[in-house]
Amino acid sequence: MDRRNKIVQTVPKCTGLSLSADAFLVKRSDARATIIAGYPWFTDWGRDTMIALPGLALVTGRFDEARDILAAYANRFPDWGDIPEYNSVDATLWYVYAVDRFLAYTDDYNFVRETLWSVLQEIIHYFVRGTRYNIHLDCDGLLYAGEPGVQLTWMDAKVGDWVVTPRQGKPVEVNALWYNALCVMRDLSDRYGEPDLSAEYAGLAERTAARFVEAFWNSNAGCLYDCLTDTVPDAAIRPNQIFALSLPHRMLDAARERSILDVVERELLTPCGLRSLSPSDAAYRGTYGGDPYSRDSAYHQGTVWAWLMGPFITSWVRIHRKEADVYNNARRMLHPLLCQVEESGLGHISEIFDGDAPHVFRGCFAQAWSTAEVLRAFVEDVLDQGPEKIK
């Protein structure tokens, strides 16, 4: 609470975001801690919870609640597919990310060793061995996921039998998350005195990195392919590639990172977040509205997602860090979303916005990962008050 008060006192605009965070941290009927994905109609989902946890619970100093959430979700991993949603390829990888960020803020390695360590090892084991929905580690070191008619990434809209954004194969952000998870596990194994396990994770990470750049780099566009399908790479310009720049452990050289960031900024950045598809794409839909069919067909086909501003700002500040006014420029990019909290957002940040100007807000009026990622990026990147500054 002291950290939360300090943030609010330093930047009054954080008051609304910090209060918004309170609305999403809840207890289930079985008393287990969790995060509601959005109001008024979403419940708690594994992916959303782990993405939102750093912004809602760590940046604000709610370390006990973060610990409870991580412990509660660890108890569900043996039953992949149980509610909250684990029938996805990336929820468990986001879990490893959330554990790593928890450690960055708390140094509570004893809790992770005693409560989460075996679960973290199981997560990696299941990917290597293979599990349902054809999720498996391919021989080239990249993760493959998907079957016809099944949506396993966060771009999961489906209308009847029509998969709106098919991403069966090797999605770019999934493999960025996989590499990040392997590096986290390598480092934890070292800390816990398990050199053989550390070497195993290091070897897997090296295989992934060796193939990732070669396979995903789109030299014609100067950015990354969105997904390596069974036929040809998907060259659609989408925001998923930003995670190859924003995660703590990365595989790309500085020149490629800068090129990717420039493409994302030019094609996808809006005042309210990142578009889910470039307007130059024939499949782009600039307005989210109409009947369920029309809305779902636009959901990840151009609609702006506020939560993606978080990884974008993290990447932008890191890559531009040596330039003058980097923090002021990043603050200006976040300003419209901070204003939504005080104006049209009823104290919160919306789920989505139209891809076309004036970027009308749509979907849930209060979305956990929207609030979380804007708050996290503002504090960690714009204010430069990451975990290393509070210890």
Protein backbone atom coordinates (compact mmCIF):
# COMPACT_ATOMS: atom_id res chain seq x y z
CA MET A 1 0.00 0.00 0.00
CA ASP A 2 2.94 2.34 0.69
CA ARG A 3 4.15 1.87 -2.88
CA ARG A 4 0.66 2.52 -4.22
CA ASN A 5 0.36 5.75 -2.21
CA LYS A 6 3.79 6.87 -3.39
CA ILE A 7 2.82 6.33 -7.02
CA VAL A 8 -0.45 8.22 -6.59
CA GLN A 9 1.28 11.12 -4.84
CA THR A 10 3.95 11.31 -7.54
CA VAL A 11 1.52 11.26 -10.45
CA PRO A 12 -2.10 12.22 -9.69
CA LYS A 13 -3.26 10.61 -12.94
CA CYS A 14 -2.32 7.24 -11.43
CA THR A 15 -5.01 7.67 -8.78
CA GLY A 16 -7.75 6.57 -11.15
CA LEU A 17 -5.73 3.65 -12.51
CA SER A 18 -4.84 2.47 -9.02
CA LEU A 19 -8.48 2.61 -7.95
CA SER A 20 -9.46 0.80 -11.14
CA ALA A 21 -7.06 -2.01 -10.22
CA ASP A 22 -9.02 -2.61 -7.01
CA ALA A 23 -12.10 -3.62 -8.99
CA PHE A 24 -10.44 -6.61 -10.66
CA LEU A 25 -8.71 -8.29 -7.70
CA VAL A 26 -11.30 -10.64 -6.21
CA LYS A 27 -11.85 -13.92 -4.37
CA ARG A 28 -13.68 -16.83 -5.96
CA SER A 29 -16.41 -18.72 -4.10
CA ASP A 30 -13.76 -21.19 -2.93
CA ALA A 31 -11.80 -18.24 -1.43
CA ARG A 32 -9.01 -18.50 -4.00
CA ALA A 33 -7.62 -15.22 -5.28
CA THR A 34 -8.04 -14.33 -8.94
CA ILE A 35 -8.49 -11.45 -11.37
CA ILE A 36 -11.72 -10.68 -13.22
CA ALA A 37 -10.89 -10.16 -16.89
CA GLY A 38 -13.46 -7.43 -17.50
CA TYR A 39 -16.79 -5.89 -16.63
CA PRO A 40 -19.65 -6.36 -17.20
CA TRP A 41 -19.51 -9.83 -18.76
CA PHE A 42 -16.10 -11.55 -18.42
CA THR A 43 -15.03 -13.90 -15.63
CA ASP A 44 -11.50 -15.00 -14.71
CA TRP A 45 -9.22 -16.46 -17.36
CA GLY A 46 -5.70 -17.74 -16.95
CA ARG A 47 -4.15 -15.74 -19.77
CA ASP A 48 -5.75 -12.44 -18.77
CA THR A 49 -4.91 -12.97 -15.12
CA MET A 50 -1.21 -13.54 -15.73
CA ILE A 51 -0.87 -10.63 -18.14
CA ALA A 52 -2.69 -8.32 -15.73
CA LEU A 53 -1.00 -9.47 -12.52
CA PRO A 54 2.19 -7.33 -12.78
CA GLY A 55 0.25 -4.11 -13.33
CA LEU A 56 -2.57 -4.74 -10.87
CA ALA A 57 -0.68 -6.41 -8.04
CA LEU A 58 3.09 -5.86 -8.37
CA VAL A 59 3.44 -2.28 -9.54
CA THR A 60 0.93 -1.29 -6.84
CA GLY A 61 2.71 -3.22 -4.10
CA ARG A 62 -0.02 -5.81 -3.53
CA PHE A 63 2.53 -8.59 -3.12
CA ASP A 64 0.44 -10.79 -0.82
CA GLU A 65 -2.40 -10.80 -3.33
CA ALA A 66 0.01 -11.60 -6.15
CA ARG A 67 1.39 -14.50 -4.11
CA ASP A 68 -2.13 -15.82 -3.45
CA ILE A 69 -3.05 -15.64 -7.13
CA LEU A 70 0.06 -17.50 -8.26
CA ALA A 71 -0.50 -20.20 -5.64
CA ALA A 72 -4.18 -20.54 -6.54
CA TYR A 73 -3.50 -20.98 -10.23
CA ALA A 74 -0.68 -23.43 -9.63
CA ASN A 75 -3.19 -25.82 -8.07
CA ARG A 76 -5.13 -25.96 -11.34
CA PHE A 77 -2.35 -26.72 -13.80
CA PRO A 78 -2.53 -30.54 -13.52
CA ASP A 79 -6.01 -30.30 -15.09
CA TRP A 80 -5.23 -28.43 -18.29
CA GLY A 81 -8.52 -27.23 -19.69
CA ASP A 82 -10.30 -26.65 -16.40
CA ILE A 83 -11.82 -23.26 -15.66
CA PRO A 84 -10.20 -20.70 -15.58
CA GLU A 85 -9.28 -21.16 -19.21
CA TYR A 86 -6.17 -23.25 -19.78
CA ASN A 87 -7.31 -24.61 -23.13
CA SER A 88 -4.82 -22.25 -24.74
CA VAL A 89 -1.22 -22.48 -25.81
CA ASP A 90 0.05 -19.39 -23.99
CA ALA A 91 -1.66 -19.13 -20.57
CA THR A 92 0.97 -21.25 -18.85
CA LEU A 93 3.79 -19.36 -20.56
CA TRP A 94 2.30 -16.12 -19.27
CA TYR A 95 2.25 -17.81 -15.87
CA VAL A 96 6.02 -18.29 -16.01
CA TYR A 97 6.33 -14.64 -17.00
CA ALA A 98 4.18 -13.57 -14.04
CA VAL A 99 6.25 -15.67 -11.63
CA ASP A 100 9.43 -14.06 -12.95
CA ARG A 101 8.02 -10.56 -12.49
CA PHE A 102 6.86 -11.51 -8.98
CA LEU A 103 10.42 -12.50 -8.14
CA ALA A 104 11.77 -9.29 -9.64
CA TYR A 105 9.63 -7.31 -7.20
CA THR A 106 9.77 -9.51 -4.09
CA ASP A 107 12.86 -11.76 -4.18
CA ASP A 108 10.60 -14.39 -2.60
CA TYR A 109 12.52 -17.33 -4.02
CA ASN A 110 11.58 -19.55 -1.08
CA PHE A 111 7.87 -19.27 -1.91
CA VAL A 112 8.51 -20.14 -5.55
CA ARG A 113 10.78 -23.04 -4.61
CA GLU A 114 8.33 -24.51 -2.08
CA THR A 115 5.02 -23.83 -3.85
CA LEU A 116 5.54 -23.32 -7.59
CA TRP A 117 8.81 -24.94 -8.66
CA SER A 118 7.42 -28.39 -9.48
CA VAL A 119 4.53 -26.82 -11.40
CA LEU A 120 6.89 -24.66 -13.43
CA GLN A 121 8.89 -27.75 -14.37
CA GLU A 122 5.70 -29.56 -15.39
CA ILE A 123 4.75 -26.69 -17.69
CA ILE A 124 7.98 -27.04 -19.67
CA HIS A 125 7.71 -30.84 -19.59
CA TYR A 126 4.23 -30.81 -21.13
CA PHE A 127 5.31 -28.56 -23.98
CA VAL A 128 8.30 -30.76 -24.78
CA ARG A 129 6.30 -33.98 -24.50
CA GLY A 130 3.25 -32.61 -26.27
CA THR A 131 -0.31 -32.22 -25.08
CA ARG A 132 -3.82 -31.74 -26.37
CA TYR A 133 -4.69 -29.60 -29.41
CA ASN A 134 -1.44 -30.67 -31.09
CA ILE A 135 0.60 -28.41 -28.81
CA HIS A 136 4.19 -29.61 -28.95
CA LEU A 137 7.83 -28.65 -29.35
CA ASP A 138 8.80 -29.26 -32.96
CA CYS A 139 12.15 -30.71 -33.97
CA ASP A 140 13.39 -27.24 -34.98
CA GLY A 141 13.04 -25.91 -31.43
CA LEU A 142 9.86 -23.91 -32.05
CA LEU A 143 6.46 -24.47 -30.46
CA TYR A 144 3.62 -25.65 -32.68
CA ALA A 145 -0.03 -25.42 -31.69
CA GLY A 146 -3.43 -25.93 -33.19
CA GLU A 147 -5.88 -28.08 -35.04
CA PRO A 148 -8.48 -27.12 -37.65
CA GLY A 149 -11.30 -25.18 -36.03
CA VAL A 150 -9.46 -24.59 -32.75
CA GLN A 151 -8.24 -21.19 -31.55
CA LEU A 152 -5.46 -21.34 -28.97
CA THR A 153 -3.91 -17.86 -28.95
CA TRP A 154 -5.42 -14.65 -27.63
CA MET A 155 -6.71 -13.93 -31.14
CA ASP A 156 -9.45 -16.49 -30.64
CA ALA A 157 -12.60 -15.15 -32.34
CA LYS A 158 -14.76 -17.79 -33.98
CA VAL A 159 -18.13 -17.43 -35.71
CA GLY A 160 -19.83 -20.80 -36.00
CA ASP A 161 -17.29 -22.97 -37.78
CA TRP A 162 -15.43 -19.97 -39.17
CA VAL A 163 -12.10 -19.27 -37.48
CA VAL A 164 -11.71 -15.54 -38.06
CA THR A 165 -7.98 -15.29 -37.41
CA PRO A 166 -6.49 -18.73 -38.10
CA ARG A 167 -3.09 -19.10 -36.44
CA GLN A 168 -2.52 -22.84 -36.49
CA GLY A 169 1.21 -23.46 -36.60
CA LYS A 170 3.96 -21.54 -34.82
CA PRO A 171 2.69 -18.14 -33.61
CA VAL A 172 5.38 -15.51 -33.11
CA GLU A 173 4.42 -14.37 -29.60
CA VAL A 174 4.06 -17.96 -28.38
CA ASN A 175 7.63 -18.69 -29.37
CA ALA A 176 8.87 -15.44 -27.85
CA LEU A 177 7.11 -16.47 -24.62
CA TRP A 178 8.57 -19.97 -24.87
CA TYR A 179 12.12 -18.63 -25.13
CA ASN A 180 11.49 -16.26 -22.23
CA ALA A 181 10.13 -19.12 -20.11
CA LEU A 182 13.15 -21.32 -20.85
CA CYS A 183 15.53 -18.54 -19.82
CA VAL A 184 13.58 -17.99 -16.60
CA MET A 185 13.74 -21.71 -15.83
CA ARG A 186 17.45 -21.84 -16.63
CA ASP A 187 18.15 -19.03 -14.18
CA LEU A 188 15.92 -20.48 -11.46
CA SER A 189 17.62 -23.87 -11.82
CA ASP A 190 20.96 -22.18 -11.27
CA ARG A 191 19.68 -20.43 -8.17
CA TYR A 192 18.20 -23.64 -6.77
CA GLY A 193 21.42 -25.58 -7.31
CA GLU A 194 20.24 -27.85 -10.13
CA PRO A 195 22.97 -27.56 -12.81
CA ASP A 196 21.76 -30.48 -14.94
CA LEU A 197 18.29 -28.97 -15.17
CA SER A 198 19.77 -25.57 -15.94
CA ALA A 199 21.81 -27.06 -18.79
CA GLU A 200 18.69 -28.75 -20.18
CA TYR A 201 16.73 -25.49 -20.24
CA ALA A 202 19.71 -23.60 -21.66
CA GLY A 203 19.99 -26.11 -24.49
CA LEU A 204 16.31 -25.79 -25.33
CA ALA A 205 16.57 -22.00 -25.30
CA GLU A 206 19.57 -22.05 -27.61
CA ARG A 207 17.71 -24.26 -30.10
CA THR A 208 14.73 -21.92 -30.09
CA ALA A 209 16.85 -18.80 -30.54
CA ALA A 210 18.89 -20.35 -33.34
CA ARG A 211 15.76 -21.04 -35.39
CA PHE A 212 13.56 -18.10 -34.37
CA VAL A 213 15.31 -15.31 -36.26
CA GLU A 214 15.85 -17.37 -39.38
CA ALA A 215 12.25 -18.60 -39.48
CA PHE A 216 10.32 -15.48 -38.44
CA TRP A 217 12.27 -12.65 -40.06
CA ASN A 218 10.36 -11.12 -43.00
CA SER A 219 13.09 -9.28 -44.87
CA ASN A 220 10.63 -7.74 -47.34
CA ALA A 221 8.63 -6.00 -44.60
CA GLY A 222 11.42 -5.48 -42.08
CA CYS A 223 9.47 -7.18 -39.32
CA LEU A 224 8.42 -10.64 -38.13
CA TYR A 225 5.95 -13.06 -39.66
CA ASP A 226 2.88 -13.47 -37.48
CA CYS A 227 2.69 -17.25 -37.70
CA LEU A 228 4.56 -20.04 -39.44
CA THR A 229 1.79 -22.13 -40.93
CA ASP A 230 2.00 -25.57 -42.50
CA THR A 231 2.23 -23.97 -45.94
CA VAL A 232 3.65 -20.44 -46.11
CA PRO A 233 4.49 -17.91 -43.37
CA ASP A 234 1.69 -15.49 -42.54
CA ALA A 235 3.02 -12.05 -43.46
CA ALA A 236 0.08 -10.09 -42.01
CA ILE A 237 1.38 -7.19 -39.95
CA ARG A 238 -0.02 -7.74 -36.47
CA PRO A 239 1.00 -6.62 -32.98
CA ASN A 240 1.99 -10.08 -31.76
CA GLN A 241 5.59 -9.47 -32.82
CA ILE A 242 5.95 -6.72 -30.20
CA PHE A 243 6.45 -9.39 -27.51
CA ALA A 244 9.71 -10.40 -29.14
CA LEU A 245 10.86 -6.90 -28.09
CA SER A 246 9.09 -6.40 -24.76
CA LEU A 247 9.75 -9.61 -22.82
CA PRO A 248 12.71 -9.70 -20.40
CA HIS A 249 14.57 -12.35 -22.42
CA ARG A 250 14.86 -11.65 -26.15
CA MET A 251 16.47 -13.15 -29.26
CA LEU A 252 16.83 -10.33 -31.81
CA ASP A 253 19.70 -7.98 -32.56
CA ALA A 254 19.32 -4.22 -32.11
CA ALA A 255 18.88 -3.45 -35.81
CA ARG A 256 16.02 -5.91 -36.23
CA GLU A 257 14.38 -4.72 -33.02
CA ARG A 258 14.43 -1.12 -34.23
CA SER A 259 13.02 -2.13 -37.61
CA ILE A 260 10.17 -4.09 -36.01
CA LEU A 261 9.34 -1.22 -33.67
CA ASP A 262 9.25 1.22 -36.58
CA VAL A 263 6.87 -1.02 -38.54
CA VAL A 264 4.56 -1.51 -35.56
CA GLU A 265 4.56 2.22 -34.82
CA ARG A 266 3.83 3.13 -38.43
CA GLU A 267 1.18 0.49 -39.16
CA LEU A 268 -0.50 -0.28 -35.84
CA LEU A 269 -0.06 2.49 -33.26
CA THR A 270 -3.07 4.65 -32.38
CA PRO A 271 -3.72 6.97 -29.41
CA CYS A 272 -5.68 4.14 -27.76
CA GLY A 273 -3.42 1.13 -28.29
CA LEU A 274 -2.29 -1.07 -31.15
CA ARG A 275 -4.43 -2.21 -34.05
CA SER A 276 -4.75 -5.97 -34.34
CA LEU A 277 -4.08 -5.77 -38.09
CA SER A 278 -2.54 -3.20 -40.40
CA PRO A 279 -5.01 -0.99 -42.33
CA SER A 280 -3.06 -1.86 -45.47
CA ASP A 281 -4.25 -5.47 -45.21
CA ALA A 282 -7.25 -6.45 -47.34
CA ALA A 283 -8.82 -8.19 -44.32
CA TYR A 284 -8.68 -5.04 -42.17
CA ARG A 285 -11.89 -3.98 -40.44
CA GLY A 286 -11.81 -0.42 -39.11
CA THR A 287 -15.06 -0.44 -37.15
CA TYR A 288 -16.21 -2.82 -34.43
CA GLY A 289 -20.00 -2.91 -34.39
CA GLY A 290 -23.20 -4.46 -35.67
CA ASP A 291 -24.47 -7.97 -34.99
CA PRO A 292 -22.36 -10.69 -33.32
CA TYR A 293 -21.06 -11.89 -36.68
CA SER A 294 -19.90 -8.41 -37.66
CA ARG A 295 -18.32 -7.75 -34.29
CA ASP A 296 -16.46 -11.04 -34.09
CA SER A 297 -15.21 -10.68 -37.64
CA ALA A 298 -13.59 -7.37 -36.65
CA TYR A 299 -12.41 -8.35 -33.15
CA HIS A 300 -8.83 -9.17 -34.16
CA GLN A 301 -8.91 -7.85 -37.71
CA GLY A 302 -8.05 -4.22 -37.08
CA THR A 303 -9.76 -3.43 -33.79
CA VAL A 304 -7.48 -1.56 -31.38
CA TRP A 305 -6.53 -3.24 -28.10
CA ALA A 306 -5.55 -0.93 -25.25
CA TRP A 307 -3.52 -3.54 -23.36
CA LEU A 308 -1.02 -3.77 -26.20
CA MET A 309 0.10 -0.22 -25.44
CA GLY A 310 1.94 -1.71 -22.45
CA PRO A 311 4.42 -3.91 -24.34
CA PHE A 312 4.73 -1.25 -27.03
CA ILE A 313 5.76 1.45 -24.52
CA THR A 314 8.15 -0.98 -22.81
CA SER A 315 9.81 -1.69 -26.16
CA TRP A 316 9.74 1.92 -27.31
CA VAL A 317 11.36 3.31 -24.16
CA ARG A 318 14.07 0.63 -24.10
CA ILE A 319 15.00 1.11 -27.75
CA HIS A 320 14.84 4.93 -27.61
CA ARG A 321 16.31 5.23 -24.10
CA LYS A 322 19.41 7.18 -25.15
CA GLU A 323 17.40 9.82 -27.00
CA ALA A 324 16.37 13.18 -25.56
CA ASP A 325 12.81 13.47 -24.21
CA VAL A 326 12.22 9.71 -24.44
CA TYR A 327 10.17 9.70 -21.23
CA ASN A 328 8.13 12.77 -22.14
CA ASN A 329 7.38 11.32 -25.57
CA ALA A 330 6.30 8.01 -24.03
CA ARG A 331 4.11 9.90 -21.57
CA ARG A 332 2.43 11.70 -24.44
CA MET A 333 1.66 8.39 -26.13
CA LEU A 334 -0.07 7.13 -22.97
CA HIS A 335 -1.91 10.39 -22.28
CA PRO A 336 -5.14 9.58 -24.21
CA LEU A 337 -5.63 6.32 -22.30
CA LEU A 338 -4.91 8.01 -18.98
CA CYS A 339 -7.52 10.61 -19.86
CA GLN A 340 -10.11 7.93 -20.64
CA VAL A 341 -10.05 6.88 -16.99
CA GLU A 342 -11.11 10.39 -15.96
CA GLU A 343 -13.48 11.09 -18.82
CA SER A 344 -15.38 8.50 -20.88
CA GLY A 345 -14.10 5.36 -19.14
CA LEU A 346 -16.16 5.59 -15.94
CA GLY A 347 -12.97 5.22 -13.93
CA HIS A 348 -11.54 2.46 -16.12
CA ILE A 349 -9.92 1.76 -19.49
CA SER A 350 -12.01 0.02 -22.12
CA GLU A 351 -11.27 -3.32 -23.72
CA ILE A 352 -11.09 -2.21 -27.35
CA PHE A 353 -11.48 0.73 -29.73
CA ASP A 354 -12.29 1.12 -33.41
CA GLY A 355 -9.27 0.80 -35.67
CA ASP A 356 -10.32 3.90 -37.60
CA ALA A 357 -10.36 7.39 -36.11
CA PRO A 358 -11.89 8.72 -33.92
CA HIS A 359 -11.26 5.32 -32.28
CA VAL A 360 -14.57 4.97 -30.45
CA PHE A 361 -14.29 2.76 -27.35
CA ARG A 362 -16.04 -0.61 -27.58
CA GLY A 363 -16.43 -3.92 -25.76
CA CYS A 364 -16.10 -4.09 -21.98
CA PHE A 365 -16.02 -0.64 -20.44
CA ALA A 366 -13.55 -1.94 -17.82
CA GLN A 367 -10.84 -4.41 -18.86
CA ALA A 368 -8.26 -5.73 -16.41
CA TRP A 369 -5.32 -6.05 -18.75
CA SER A 370 -6.01 -2.61 -20.26
CA THR A 371 -5.74 -0.96 -16.84
CA ALA A 372 -2.88 -3.24 -15.78
CA GLU A 373 -0.63 -2.75 -18.78
CA VAL A 374 -1.13 1.01 -19.00
CA LEU A 375 -0.38 1.35 -15.28
CA ARG A 376 2.63 -0.98 -15.48
CA ALA A 377 4.13 0.78 -18.50
CA PHE A 378 3.53 4.20 -17.00
CA VAL A 379 5.23 3.36 -13.71
CA GLU A 380 8.00 1.02 -14.90
CA ASP A 381 8.89 2.67 -18.20
CA VAL A 382 7.70 6.30 -18.24
CA LEU A 383 8.48 7.00 -14.57
CA ASP A 384 11.41 4.54 -14.68
CA GLN A 385 10.26 3.02 -11.37
CA GLY A 386 10.71 -0.67 -12.06
CA PRO A 387 11.35 -3.32 -9.41
CA GLU A 388 15.06 -2.59 -9.22
CA LYS A 389 14.23 0.95 -8.04
CA ILE A 390 12.15 -0.12 -5.02
CA LYS A 391 14.46 -2.66 -3.40
